[in-house]
């Protein structure tokens, strides 16, 4: 984008320098000149916002490292405290899946089936 905007500015500058002798006089400069200025301003703003977004993403990622460590520690502690009641972790927001223990000698309880 920089190249196109810069080229347009150079052409407009040369046109202005040549004045009435410019071969580009028949172009709609009343539309071109404001478009060049708008494109340049918007491009600068885009670059500024892009830099802000990158900085925010880096800050978020750094904070997430601490959060992930916290989540793992919380899970590990709660798993130890509720070793026989893993579903209690759901009270803290963890997703708990019911898995039968295949090493258990007792068969799992029969699932209730809907009437029908």
C-alpha atoms as a PDB file:
ATOM      1  CA  UNK A   1       0.000   0.000   0.000  1.00  0.00           C
ATOM      2  CA  UNK A   2       2.816   2.415   0.793  1.00  0.00           C
ATOM      3  CA  UNK A   3       4.131   2.064  -2.748  1.00  0.00           C
ATOM      4  CA  UNK A   4       0.807   2.912  -4.356  1.00  0.00           C
ATOM      5  CA  UNK A   5       0.163   5.873  -2.107  1.00  0.00           C
ATOM      6  CA  UNK A   6       3.705   7.191  -2.608  1.00  0.00           C
ATOM      7  CA  UNK A   7       3.447   6.778  -6.382  1.00  0.00           C
ATOM      8  CA  UNK A   8       0.117   8.616  -6.410  1.00  0.00           C
ATOM      9  CA  UNK A   9       1.677  11.443  -4.359  1.00  0.00           C
ATOM     10  CA  UNK A  10       4.625  11.670  -6.744  1.00  0.00           C
ATOM     11  CA  UNK A  11       2.345  11.826  -9.787  1.00  0.00           C
ATOM     12  CA  UNK A  12       0.158  14.468  -8.117  1.00  0.00           C
ATOM     13  CA  UNK A  13       3.274  16.446  -7.177  1.00  0.00           C
ATOM     14  CA  UNK A  14       4.623  16.372 -10.718  1.00  0.00           C
ATOM     15  CA  UNK A  15       1.194  17.368 -12.052  1.00  0.00           C
ATOM     16  CA  UNK A  16       1.138  20.337  -9.659  1.00  0.00           C
ATOM     17  CA  UNK A  17       4.694  21.274 -10.623  1.00  0.00           C
ATOM     18  CA  UNK A  18       3.832  21.293 -14.351  1.00  0.00           C
ATOM     19  CA  UNK A  19       0.582  23.173 -13.775  1.00  0.00           C
ATOM     20  CA  UNK A  20      -1.277  23.912 -17.036  1.00  0.00           C
ATOM     21  CA  UNK A  21       1.433  22.071 -19.029  1.00  0.00           C
ATOM     22  CA  UNK A  22       0.650  18.757 -17.261  1.00  0.00           C
ATOM     23  CA  UNK A  23      -0.694  16.043 -19.588  1.00  0.00           C
ATOM     24  CA  UNK A  24      -2.798  14.836 -16.644  1.00  0.00           C
ATOM     25  CA  UNK A  25      -4.970  17.940 -16.535  1.00  0.00           C
ATOM     26  CA  UNK A  26      -8.086  16.129 -17.778  1.00  0.00           C
ATOM     27  CA  UNK A  27      -8.136  13.806 -14.734  1.00  0.00           C
ATOM     28  CA  UNK A  28     -10.595  14.506 -11.918  1.00  0.00           C
ATOM     29  CA  UNK A  29      -8.148  16.057  -9.476  1.00  0.00           C
ATOM     30  CA  UNK A  30     -10.994  17.265  -7.263  1.00  0.00           C
ATOM     31  CA  UNK A  31     -11.552  13.580  -6.417  1.00  0.00           C
ATOM     32  CA  UNK A  32      -7.983  12.275  -6.723  1.00  0.00           C
ATOM     33  CA  UNK A  33      -6.286  14.748  -4.361  1.00  0.00           C
ATOM     34  CA  UNK A  34      -8.651  14.119  -1.388  1.00  0.00           C
ATOM     35  CA  UNK A  35      -8.493  10.358  -2.051  1.00  0.00           C
ATOM     36  CA  UNK A  36      -4.692  10.399  -1.834  1.00  0.00           C
ATOM     37  CA  UNK A  37      -4.805  12.351   1.441  1.00  0.00           C
ATOM     38  CA  UNK A  38      -7.487  10.051   2.888  1.00  0.00           C
ATOM     39  CA  UNK A  39      -5.589   6.910   1.868  1.00  0.00           C
ATOM     40  CA  UNK A  40      -2.388   8.220   3.424  1.00  0.00           C
ATOM     41  CA  UNK A  41      -4.080   9.181   6.698  1.00  0.00           C
ATOM     42  CA  UNK A  42      -5.963   5.890   6.905  1.00  0.00           C
ATOM     43  CA  UNK A  43      -2.802   3.929   6.159  1.00  0.00           C
ATOM     44  CA  UNK A  44      -0.932   5.713   8.973  1.00  0.00           C
ATOM     45  CA  UNK A  45      -3.831   5.003  11.351  1.00  0.00           C
ATOM     46  CA  UNK A  46      -3.908   1.366  10.247  1.00  0.00           C
ATOM     47  CA  UNK A  47      -0.195   0.971  10.998  1.00  0.00           C
ATOM     48  CA  UNK A  48      -0.639   2.613  14.413  1.00  0.00           C
ATOM     49  CA  UNK A  49      -3.553   0.356  15.319  1.00  0.00           C
ATOM     50  CA  UNK A  50      -1.712  -2.708  14.029  1.00  0.00           C
ATOM     51  CA  UNK A  51       1.193  -1.923  16.367  1.00  0.00           C
ATOM     52  CA  UNK A  52      -1.241  -1.492  19.268  1.00  0.00           C
ATOM     53  CA  UNK A  53      -2.918  -4.808  18.437  1.00  0.00           C
ATOM     54  CA  UNK A  54       0.441  -6.588  18.367  1.00  0.00           C
ATOM     55  CA  UNK A  55       1.401  -5.098  21.738  1.00  0.00           C
ATOM     56  CA  UNK A  56      -1.966  -6.102  23.228  1.00  0.00           C
ATOM     57  CA  UNK A  57      -1.597  -9.633  21.860  1.00  0.00           C
ATOM     58  CA  UNK A  58       1.868  -9.955  23.422  1.00  0.00           C
ATOM     59  CA  UNK A  59       0.569  -8.680  26.773  1.00  0.00           C
ATOM     60  CA  UNK A  60      -2.357 -11.112  26.632  1.00  0.00           C
ATOM     61  CA  UNK A  61      -0.089 -14.047  25.805  1.00  0.00           C
ATOM     62  CA  UNK A  62       2.245 -13.197  28.689  1.00  0.00           C
ATOM     63  CA  UNK A  63      -0.701 -13.045  31.109  1.00  0.00           C
ATOM     64  CA  UNK A  64      -2.070 -16.325  29.735  1.00  0.00           C
ATOM     65  CA  UNK A  65       1.145 -18.102  30.718  1.00  0.00           C
ATOM     66  CA  UNK A  66       0.410 -17.238  34.356  1.00  0.00           C
ATOM     67  CA  UNK A  67      -3.241 -18.204  33.956  1.00  0.00           C
ATOM     68  CA  UNK A  68      -2.415 -21.595  32.416  1.00  0.00           C
ATOM     69  CA  UNK A  69      -0.042 -22.342  35.309  1.00  0.00           C
ATOM     70  CA  UNK A  70      -2.800 -21.324  37.741  1.00  0.00           C
ATOM     71  CA  UNK A  71      -5.366 -23.551  35.992  1.00  0.00           C
ATOM     72  CA  UNK A  72      -3.082 -26.588  36.058  1.00  0.00           C
ATOM     73  CA  UNK A  73      -2.223 -26.046  39.728  1.00  0.00           C
ATOM     74  CA  UNK A  74      -5.902 -25.602  40.602  1.00  0.00           C
ATOM     75  CA  UNK A  75      -6.842 -28.751  38.711  1.00  0.00           C
ATOM     76  CA  UNK A  76      -4.066 -30.758  40.361  1.00  0.00           C
ATOM     77  CA  UNK A  77      -4.951 -29.584  43.875  1.00  0.00           C
ATOM     78  CA  UNK A  78      -8.684 -30.127  43.390  1.00  0.00           C
ATOM     79  CA  UNK A  79      -8.059 -33.564  41.869  1.00  0.00           C
ATOM     80  CA  UNK A  80      -6.112 -34.500  44.998  1.00  0.00           C
ATOM     81  CA  UNK A  81      -8.699 -33.086  47.384  1.00  0.00           C
ATOM     82  CA  UNK A  82     -11.637 -34.674  45.536  1.00  0.00           C
ATOM     83  CA  UNK A  83      -9.917 -37.856  44.411  1.00  0.00           C
ATOM     84  CA  UNK A  84     -13.099 -39.890  44.998  1.00  0.00           C
ATOM     85  CA  UNK A  85     -15.471 -37.166  43.784  1.00  0.00           C
ATOM     86  CA  UNK A  86     -13.939 -35.825  40.576  1.00  0.00           C
ATOM     87  CA  UNK A  87     -17.293 -34.374  39.529  1.00  0.00           C
ATOM     88  CA  UNK A  88     -16.786 -31.743  42.241  1.00  0.00           C
ATOM     89  CA  UNK A  89     -14.280 -30.112  39.890  1.00  0.00           C
ATOM     90  CA  UNK A  90     -17.302 -29.142  37.800  1.00  0.00           C
ATOM     91  CA  UNK A  91     -18.356 -26.846  40.649  1.00  0.00           C
ATOM     92  CA  UNK A  92     -15.217 -24.831  39.907  1.00  0.00           C
ATOM     93  CA  UNK A  93     -15.946 -24.633  36.181  1.00  0.00           C
ATOM     94  CA  UNK A  94     -13.867 -27.571  34.949  1.00  0.00           C
ATOM     95  CA  UNK A  95     -15.400 -29.890  32.372  1.00  0.00           C
ATOM     96  CA  UNK A  96     -15.572 -33.364  33.873  1.00  0.00           C
ATOM     97  CA  UNK A  97     -16.133 -36.408  31.705  1.00  0.00           C
ATOM     98  CA  UNK A  98     -17.548 -39.603  33.166  1.00  0.00           C
ATOM     99  CA  UNK A  99     -15.148 -42.451  32.418  1.00  0.00           C
ATOM    100  CA  UNK A 100     -15.521 -45.952  33.775  1.00  0.00           C
ATOM    101  CA  UNK A 101     -12.489 -47.499  35.388  1.00  0.00           C
ATOM    102  CA  UNK A 102     -11.612 -50.506  33.216  1.00  0.00           C
ATOM    103  CA  UNK A 103      -9.293 -51.879  35.882  1.00  0.00           C
ATOM    104  CA  UNK A 104     -12.209 -52.111  38.327  1.00  0.00           C
ATOM    105  CA  UNK A 105     -13.494 -55.607  39.025  1.00  0.00           C
ATOM    106  CA  UNK A 106     -17.028 -54.364  39.492  1.00  0.00           C
ATOM    107  CA  UNK A 107     -19.102 -53.861  36.346  1.00  0.00           C
ATOM    108  CA  UNK A 108     -20.442 -50.348  35.824  1.00  0.00           C
ATOM    109  CA  UNK A 109     -24.018 -49.731  36.888  1.00  0.00           C
ATOM    110  CA  UNK A 110     -26.584 -50.243  34.144  1.00  0.00           C
ATOM    111  CA  UNK A 111     -27.649 -47.016  32.485  1.00  0.00           C
ATOM    112  CA  UNK A 112     -31.298 -46.082  32.727  1.00  0.00           C
ATOM    113  CA  UNK A 113     -33.064 -46.317  29.412  1.00  0.00           C
ATOM    114  CA  UNK A 114     -35.923 -44.050  28.436  1.00  0.00           C
ATOM    115  CA  UNK A 115     -39.385 -45.642  28.366  1.00  0.00           C
ATOM    116  CA  UNK A 116     -40.717 -46.106  24.942  1.00  0.00           C
END
